[in-house]
C-alpha atoms as a PDB file:
ATOM      1  CA  MET A   1     159.799 -40.084 110.003  1.00  0.00           C
ATOM      2  CA  PRO A   2     158.317 -37.018 112.131  1.00  0.00           C
ATOM      3  CA  ALA A   3     160.918 -35.642 114.933  1.00  0.00           C
ATOM      4  CA  LEU A   4     157.972 -36.578 118.022  1.00  0.00           C
ATOM      5  CA  SER A   5     156.977 -39.849 116.473  1.00  0.00           C
ATOM      6  CA  PHE A   6     153.950 -37.902 115.462  1.00  0.00           C
ATOM      7  CA  ASP A   7     153.303 -35.440 112.314  1.00  0.00           C
ATOM      8  CA  TRP A   8     151.234 -33.626 114.589  1.00  0.00           C
ATOM      9  CA  LEU A   9     153.422 -32.589 117.427  1.00  0.00           C
ATOM     10  CA  THR A  10     156.137 -31.771 114.629  1.00  0.00           C
ATOM     11  CA  PRO A  11     155.290 -27.716 115.218  1.00  0.00           C
ATOM     12  CA  PHE A  12     156.221 -28.557 118.836  1.00  0.00           C
ATOM     13  CA  TYR A  13     159.857 -29.812 118.610  1.00  0.00           C
ATOM     14  CA  ASP A  14     162.079 -27.365 119.989  1.00  0.00           C
ATOM     15  CA  PRO A  15     160.283 -26.391 122.816  1.00  0.00           C
ATOM     16  CA  VAL A  16     159.556 -30.014 123.552  1.00  0.00           C
ATOM     17  CA  VAL A  17     163.062 -30.847 123.678  1.00  0.00           C
ATOM     18  CA  ARG A  18     164.441 -27.563 124.895  1.00  0.00           C
ATOM     19  CA  LEU A  19     162.462 -27.655 127.930  1.00  0.00           C
ATOM     20  CA  THR A  20     163.020 -31.670 128.724  1.00  0.00           C
ATOM     21  CA  THR A  21     166.513 -32.709 127.649  1.00  0.00           C
ATOM     22  CA  ARG A  22     168.804 -29.908 128.369  1.00  0.00           C
ATOM     23  CA  GLU A  23     169.647 -28.985 124.991  1.00  0.00           C
ATOM     24  CA  GLU A  24     171.908 -26.076 125.192  1.00  0.00           C
ATOM     25  CA  ILE A  25     173.651 -27.456 127.421  1.00  0.00           C
ATOM     26  CA  PHE A  26     174.546 -30.751 125.620  1.00  0.00           C
ATOM     27  CA  LYS A  27     174.232 -29.799 122.244  1.00  0.00           C
ATOM     28  CA  ARG A  28     176.817 -27.107 123.222  1.00  0.00           C
ATOM     29  CA  ALA A  29     179.038 -29.698 124.316  1.00  0.00           C
ATOM     30  CA  LEU A  30     178.406 -32.056 121.265  1.00  0.00           C
ATOM     31  CA  VAL A  31     179.681 -28.753 119.206  1.00  0.00           C
ATOM     32  CA  GLU A  32     182.928 -28.555 121.384  1.00  0.00           C
ATOM     33  CA  GLN A  33     184.113 -31.717 121.341  1.00  0.00           C
ATOM     34  CA  THR A  34     183.816 -32.386 117.370  1.00  0.00           C
ATOM     35  CA  GLY A  35     187.164 -29.711 117.237  1.00  0.00           C
ATOM     36  CA  ILE A  36     185.484 -28.329 113.590  1.00  0.00           C
ATOM     37  CA  GLU A  37     188.145 -26.337 111.629  1.00  0.00           C
ATOM     38  CA  ALA A  38     187.428 -24.090 108.759  1.00  0.00           C
ATOM     39  CA  GLU A  39     188.225 -26.528 106.062  1.00  0.00           C
ATOM     40  CA  HIS A  40     186.195 -29.116 107.201  1.00  0.00           C
ATOM     41  CA  ARG A  41     182.491 -30.414 105.784  1.00  0.00           C
ATOM     42  CA  VAL A  42     180.604 -31.158 108.522  1.00  0.00           C
ATOM     43  CA  LEU A  43     177.209 -33.009 108.155  1.00  0.00           C
ATOM     44  CA  ASP A  44     174.677 -33.042 111.028  1.00  0.00           C
ATOM     45  CA  LEU A  45     172.669 -36.581 110.502  1.00  0.00           C
ATOM     46  CA  ALA A  46     168.868 -36.253 110.676  1.00  0.00           C
ATOM     47  CA  CYS A  47     169.359 -32.888 111.267  1.00  0.00           C
ATOM     48  CA  GLY A  48     165.698 -31.808 112.345  1.00  0.00           C
ATOM     49  CA  THR A  49     165.045 -28.000 112.725  1.00  0.00           C
ATOM     50  CA  ALA A  50     168.772 -27.449 112.832  1.00  0.00           C
ATOM     51  CA  THR A  51     169.400 -26.413 116.350  1.00  0.00           C
ATOM     52  CA  LEU A  52     172.926 -28.471 116.290  1.00  0.00           C
ATOM     53  CA  SER A  53     173.231 -27.305 112.743  1.00  0.00           C
ATOM     54  CA  ILE A  54     173.236 -23.611 113.381  1.00  0.00           C
ATOM     55  CA  LEU A  55     175.434 -24.078 117.038  1.00  0.00           C
ATOM     56  CA  LEU A  56     178.045 -26.391 114.001  1.00  0.00           C
ATOM     57  CA  LYS A  57     178.020 -23.363 112.021  1.00  0.00           C
ATOM     58  CA  GLU A  58     177.937 -20.329 114.625  1.00  0.00           C
ATOM     59  CA  LYS A  59     181.314 -22.381 116.316  1.00  0.00           C
ATOM     60  CA  GLN A  60     182.994 -22.540 112.777  1.00  0.00           C
ATOM     61  CA  PRO A  61     181.130 -20.465 110.470  1.00  0.00           C
ATOM     62  CA  GLN A  62     183.918 -21.293 107.003  1.00  0.00           C
ATOM     63  CA  ALA A  63     183.019 -24.795 107.590  1.00  0.00           C
ATOM     64  CA  GLN A  64     180.694 -26.003 105.220  1.00  0.00           C
ATOM     65  CA  VAL A  65     177.599 -27.726 106.978  1.00  0.00           C
ATOM     66  CA  VAL A  66     175.315 -29.749 105.524  1.00  0.00           C
ATOM     67  CA  GLY A  67     171.872 -31.015 107.317  1.00  0.00           C
ATOM     68  CA  ILE A  68     170.231 -34.038 106.104  1.00  0.00           C
ATOM     69  CA  ASP A  69     166.423 -34.944 106.812  1.00  0.00           C
ATOM     70  CA  GLY A  70     163.649 -37.592 105.988  1.00  0.00           C
ATOM     71  CA  ASP A  71     161.251 -35.169 107.226  1.00  0.00           C
ATOM     72  CA  ALA A  72     159.913 -32.162 104.562  1.00  0.00           C
ATOM     73  CA  LYS A  73     157.858 -30.740 107.330  1.00  0.00           C
ATOM     74  CA  ILE A  74     160.749 -30.349 109.847  1.00  0.00           C
ATOM     75  CA  LEU A  75     163.441 -29.274 107.277  1.00  0.00           C
ATOM     76  CA  GLU A  76     161.066 -26.145 106.196  1.00  0.00           C
ATOM     77  CA  ILE A  77     161.222 -25.427 109.641  1.00  0.00           C
ATOM     78  CA  ALA A  78     164.804 -25.475 109.998  1.00  0.00           C
ATOM     79  CA  LYS A  79     165.666 -23.424 106.613  1.00  0.00           C
ATOM     80  CA  THR A  80     163.064 -20.842 108.190  1.00  0.00           C
ATOM     81  CA  LYS A  81     165.538 -20.881 111.451  1.00  0.00           C
ATOM     82  CA  VAL A  82     168.831 -20.439 109.634  1.00  0.00           C
ATOM     83  CA  ARG A  83     167.603 -17.800 107.737  1.00  0.00           C
ATOM     84  CA  LYS A  84     166.682 -15.514 110.459  1.00  0.00           C
ATOM     85  CA  ALA A  85     169.576 -16.725 111.478  1.00  0.00           C
ATOM     86  CA  ARG A  86     171.959 -15.183 108.660  1.00  0.00           C
ATOM     87  CA  LEU A  87     173.563 -18.207 107.956  1.00  0.00           C
ATOM     88  CA  GLU A  88     174.386 -20.292 104.972  1.00  0.00           C
ATOM     89  CA  ILE A  89     173.932 -24.114 105.762  1.00  0.00           C
ATOM     90  CA  GLN A  90     172.811 -27.111 103.136  1.00  0.00           C
ATOM     91  CA  PHE A  91     169.401 -29.332 103.461  1.00  0.00           C
ATOM     92  CA  ASP A  92     169.042 -32.484 101.478  1.00  0.00           C
ATOM     93  CA  GLU A  93     166.063 -34.644 102.108  1.00  0.00           C
ATOM     94  CA  GLY A  94     167.118 -37.998 102.915  1.00  0.00           C
ATOM     95  CA  ILE A  95     167.479 -41.126 104.558  1.00  0.00           C
ATOM     96  CA  SER A  96     170.467 -41.857 106.985  1.00  0.00           C
ATOM     97  CA  PHE A  97     170.303 -45.802 105.713  1.00  0.00           C
ATOM     98  CA  GLU A  98     170.681 -44.364 102.229  1.00  0.00           C
ATOM     99  CA  LEU A  99     172.902 -41.078 102.138  1.00  0.00           C
ATOM    100  CA  PRO A 100     173.630 -39.169  98.451  1.00  0.00           C
ATOM    101  CA  TYR A 101     177.148 -38.371  99.413  1.00  0.00           C
ATOM    102  CA  LYS A 102     180.294 -39.278  97.560  1.00  0.00           C
ATOM    103  CA  ASP A 103     182.205 -41.744  99.573  1.00  0.00           C
ATOM    104  CA  GLU A 104     184.925 -40.034 102.109  1.00  0.00           C
ATOM    105  CA  SER A 105     183.246 -36.595 101.511  1.00  0.00           C
ATOM    106  CA  PHE A 106     182.467 -35.192 105.614  1.00  0.00           C
ATOM    107  CA  SER A 107     185.503 -34.464 107.988  1.00  0.00           C
ATOM    108  CA  ARG A 108     182.739 -34.890 110.336  1.00  0.00           C
ATOM    109  CA  VAL A 109     179.844 -36.543 111.282  1.00  0.00           C
ATOM    110  CA  THR A 110     176.959 -35.523 113.959  1.00  0.00           C
ATOM    111  CA  SER A 111     173.763 -36.542 115.120  1.00  0.00           C
ATOM    112  CA  SER A 112     171.749 -35.533 117.821  1.00  0.00           C
ATOM    113  CA  LEU A 113     168.712 -37.804 119.146  1.00  0.00           C
ATOM    114  CA  PHE A 114     167.987 -39.308 116.867  1.00  0.00           C
ATOM    115  CA  PHE A 115     169.611 -43.385 116.920  1.00  0.00           C
ATOM    116  CA  HIS A 116     166.686 -44.345 119.314  1.00  0.00           C
ATOM    117  CA  HIS A 117     164.323 -44.023 116.475  1.00  0.00           C
ATOM    118  CA  LEU A 118     165.729 -47.123 114.278  1.00  0.00           C
ATOM    119  CA  THR A 119     165.474 -50.628 114.736  1.00  0.00           C
ATOM    120  CA  ARG A 120     168.433 -52.845 114.996  1.00  0.00           C
ATOM    121  CA  GLU A 121     168.977 -52.985 111.401  1.00  0.00           C
ATOM    122  CA  ASN A 122     168.700 -49.382 110.386  1.00  0.00           C
ATOM    123  CA  LYS A 123     170.713 -48.533 113.189  1.00  0.00           C
ATOM    124  CA  ALA A 124     174.049 -50.884 111.511  1.00  0.00           C
ATOM    125  CA  LYS A 125     172.990 -49.751 108.130  1.00  0.00           C
ATOM    126  CA  THR A 126     173.156 -45.837 109.147  1.00  0.00           C
ATOM    127  CA  LEU A 127     176.715 -46.775 111.422  1.00  0.00           C
ATOM    128  CA  SER A 128     177.910 -48.147 107.960  1.00  0.00           C
ATOM    129  CA  GLU A 129     176.771 -45.114 105.633  1.00  0.00           C
ATOM    130  CA  VAL A 130     178.141 -43.152 108.391  1.00  0.00           C
ATOM    131  CA  ARG A 131     181.783 -44.969 107.835  1.00  0.00           C
ATOM    132  CA  ARG A 132     181.424 -44.517 104.425  1.00  0.00           C
ATOM    133  CA  VAL A 133     180.775 -40.691 104.033  1.00  0.00           C
ATOM    134  CA  LEU A 134     183.475 -39.900 106.280  1.00  0.00           C
ATOM    135  CA  LYS A 135     186.827 -39.088 105.062  1.00  0.00           C
ATOM    136  CA  PRO A 136     189.965 -41.350 106.498  1.00  0.00           C
ATOM    137  CA  ASN A 137     190.646 -40.469 110.142  1.00  0.00           C
ATOM    138  CA  GLY A 138     187.284 -38.398 110.120  1.00  0.00           C
ATOM    139  CA  GLU A 139     185.059 -38.518 113.138  1.00  0.00           C
ATOM    140  CA  PHE A 140     181.028 -39.196 114.029  1.00  0.00           C
ATOM    141  CA  HIS A 141     179.656 -37.204 117.228  1.00  0.00           C
ATOM    142  CA  VAL A 142     176.553 -38.418 118.778  1.00  0.00           C
ATOM    143  CA  ALA A 143     174.251 -37.369 121.784  1.00  0.00           C
ATOM    144  CA  ASP A 144     171.289 -40.286 122.211  1.00  0.00           C
ATOM    145  CA  TRP A 145     169.643 -41.719 125.202  1.00  0.00           C
ATOM    146  CA  GLY A 146     171.754 -44.142 126.888  1.00  0.00           C
ATOM    147  CA  LEU A 147     172.109 -46.224 130.237  1.00  0.00           C
ATOM    148  CA  PRO A 148     170.344 -44.329 132.336  1.00  0.00           C
ATOM    149  CA  ALA A 149     172.934 -43.270 134.979  1.00  0.00           C
ATOM    150  CA  SER A 150     170.478 -44.140 138.226  1.00  0.00           C
ATOM    151  CA  TRP A 151     167.118 -45.953 138.845  1.00  0.00           C
ATOM    152  CA  LEU A 152     165.345 -42.358 138.326  1.00  0.00           C
ATOM    153  CA  MET A 153     166.833 -42.209 135.400  1.00  0.00           C
ATOM    154  CA  ARG A 154     165.817 -45.713 134.612  1.00  0.00           C
ATOM    155  CA  GLY A 155     162.482 -44.866 135.518  1.00  0.00           C
ATOM    156  CA  SER A 156     161.909 -41.622 133.496  1.00  0.00           C
ATOM    157  CA  SER A 157     163.298 -43.138 130.270  1.00  0.00           C
ATOM    158  CA  TYR A 158     159.747 -45.245 129.942  1.00  0.00           C
ATOM    159  CA  LEU A 159     158.078 -42.316 128.703  1.00  0.00           C
ATOM    160  CA  ILE A 160     160.633 -41.977 125.555  1.00  0.00           C
ATOM    161  CA  GLN A 161     159.730 -45.946 125.297  1.00  0.00           C
ATOM    162  CA  LEU A 162     156.327 -45.208 125.697  1.00  0.00           C
ATOM    163  CA  LEU A 163     156.534 -42.374 122.979  1.00  0.00           C
ATOM    164  CA  ASP A 164     158.736 -44.101 120.816  1.00  0.00           C
ATOM    165  CA  GLY A 165     158.421 -47.613 120.848  1.00  0.00           C
ATOM    166  CA  PHE A 166     160.277 -49.771 122.546  1.00  0.00           C
ATOM    167  CA  GLU A 167     162.168 -52.304 120.124  1.00  0.00           C
ATOM    168  CA  THR A 168     163.355 -49.081 118.511  1.00  0.00           C
ATOM    169  CA  THR A 169     164.752 -48.017 121.762  1.00  0.00           C
ATOM    170  CA  ALA A 170     165.933 -50.939 123.928  1.00  0.00           C
ATOM    171  CA  ASP A 171     169.401 -50.931 121.953  1.00  0.00           C
ATOM    172  CA  SER A 172     169.761 -46.935 123.155  1.00  0.00           C
ATOM    173  CA  PHE A 173     168.476 -47.589 126.913  1.00  0.00           C
ATOM    174  CA  ASP A 174     170.803 -50.436 127.113  1.00  0.00           C
ATOM    175  CA  GLY A 175     173.882 -48.832 126.003  1.00  0.00           C
ATOM    176  CA  LEU A 176     174.728 -50.604 123.376  1.00  0.00           C
ATOM    177  CA  LEU A 177     175.903 -48.201 120.674  1.00  0.00           C
ATOM    178  CA  PRO A 178     179.244 -48.373 121.079  1.00  0.00           C
ATOM    179  CA  GLN A 179     179.159 -51.583 120.569  1.00  0.00           C
ATOM    180  CA  LEU A 180     176.731 -50.985 117.436  1.00  0.00           C
ATOM    181  CA  MET A 181     179.902 -49.038 116.249  1.00  0.00           C
ATOM    182  CA  ALA A 182     182.321 -50.915 116.382  1.00  0.00           C
ATOM    183  CA  GLU A 183     180.345 -53.943 114.733  1.00  0.00           C
ATOM    184  CA  ALA A 184     180.151 -51.333 111.852  1.00  0.00           C
ATOM    185  CA  GLY A 185     183.617 -51.187 111.599  1.00  0.00           C
ATOM    186  CA  LEU A 186     184.046 -47.317 113.456  1.00  0.00           C
ATOM    187  CA  ALA A 187     187.385 -47.192 115.971  1.00  0.00           C
ATOM    188  CA  SER A 188     188.377 -45.019 118.247  1.00  0.00           C
ATOM    189  CA  ILE A 189     185.197 -44.816 120.356  1.00  0.00           C
ATOM    190  CA  GLU A 190     184.424 -43.780 123.673  1.00  0.00           C
ATOM    191  CA  GLU A 191     182.146 -41.927 125.825  1.00  0.00           C
ATOM    192  CA  THR A 192     182.766 -38.204 126.079  1.00  0.00           C
ATOM    193  CA  ALA A 193     179.794 -36.873 128.550  1.00  0.00           C
ATOM    194  CA  HIS A 194     176.370 -37.301 130.273  1.00  0.00           C
ATOM    195  CA  PHE A 195     173.882 -35.108 130.994  1.00  0.00           C
ATOM    196  CA  ASN A 196     170.868 -36.977 132.831  1.00  0.00           C
ATOM    197  CA  SER A 197     167.604 -34.509 131.582  1.00  0.00           C
ATOM    198  CA  LEU A 198     163.491 -35.230 132.553  1.00  0.00           C
ATOM    199  CA  PHE A 199     163.376 -38.150 130.881  1.00  0.00           C
ATOM    200  CA  GLY A 200     166.852 -40.213 131.010  1.00  0.00           C
ATOM    201  CA  THR A 201     170.110 -40.320 130.537  1.00  0.00           C
ATOM    202  CA  ILE A 202     171.668 -38.558 126.801  1.00  0.00           C
ATOM    203  CA  ARG A 203     175.478 -39.835 126.325  1.00  0.00           C
ATOM    204  CA  LEU A 204     177.833 -38.326 123.866  1.00  0.00           C
ATOM    205  CA  HIS A 205     179.690 -40.748 122.490  1.00  0.00           C
ATOM    206  CA  LYS A 206     182.579 -40.397 119.931  1.00  0.00           C
ATOM    207  CA  CYS A 207     184.706 -42.503 116.965  1.00  0.00           C
ATOM    208  CA  SER A 208     186.412 -42.486 114.327  1.00  0.00           C
ATOM    209  CA  ARG A 209     186.968 -44.107 110.313  1.00  0.00           C
ATOM    210  CA  GLN A 210     190.391 -44.927 111.208  1.00  0.00           C
ATOM    211  CA  VAL A 211     192.946 -45.660 107.925  1.00  0.00           C
ATOM    212  CA  ILE A 212     193.415 -49.261 107.869  1.00  0.00           C
ATOM    213  CA  LEU A 213     194.431 -51.833 105.456  1.00  0.00           C
ATOM    214  CA  GLU A 214     191.096 -52.576 103.911  1.00  0.00           C
ATOM    215  CA  ASP A 215     190.332 -49.107 103.461  1.00  0.00           C
ATOM    216  CA  LYS A 216     193.574 -48.760 101.177  1.00  0.00           C
END
């Protein structure tokens, strides 16, 4: 899945996102809320060009950061950026709803501007996979388009829906991600911040895989 819906737009991904989403602000806020520790293994889901992966690694250099994405071309951009930054980040090619990792293998999972690309079915499958790979009491931290904070933001969001499709983006702009998290068995769901941008409101959430009876 190309990061900007069309393959030919891939080389322009970083400048487009930077200019239209207040990327530096909301991604740093997302990194701060993760509370990454040195011993953590962190999965950056649908990592794209690795902007978030790099911020995570810079925040906690001793943590193991793994990025996964289904777009081989964008992963090449990610690897180039990481080499230039002189960081060690593992990258895997794969899809979010069939993650190639063992159960309970990550302390944190992160995601940025990805879920609005998925159908309702694949959102549910992806959230189930997130829960599966999280360690007990591990946390999922996500930033994505959400319920517009004003009528102005509602109007601005239509361009994203035109570009990425009304079917996949509807759940995001209707504010349904927390409900889908709960349906996947994730717990302690809360919105932590929101940021208005050129194309709508980006909302940050966190949730966890709590230890409950069925996990024992």
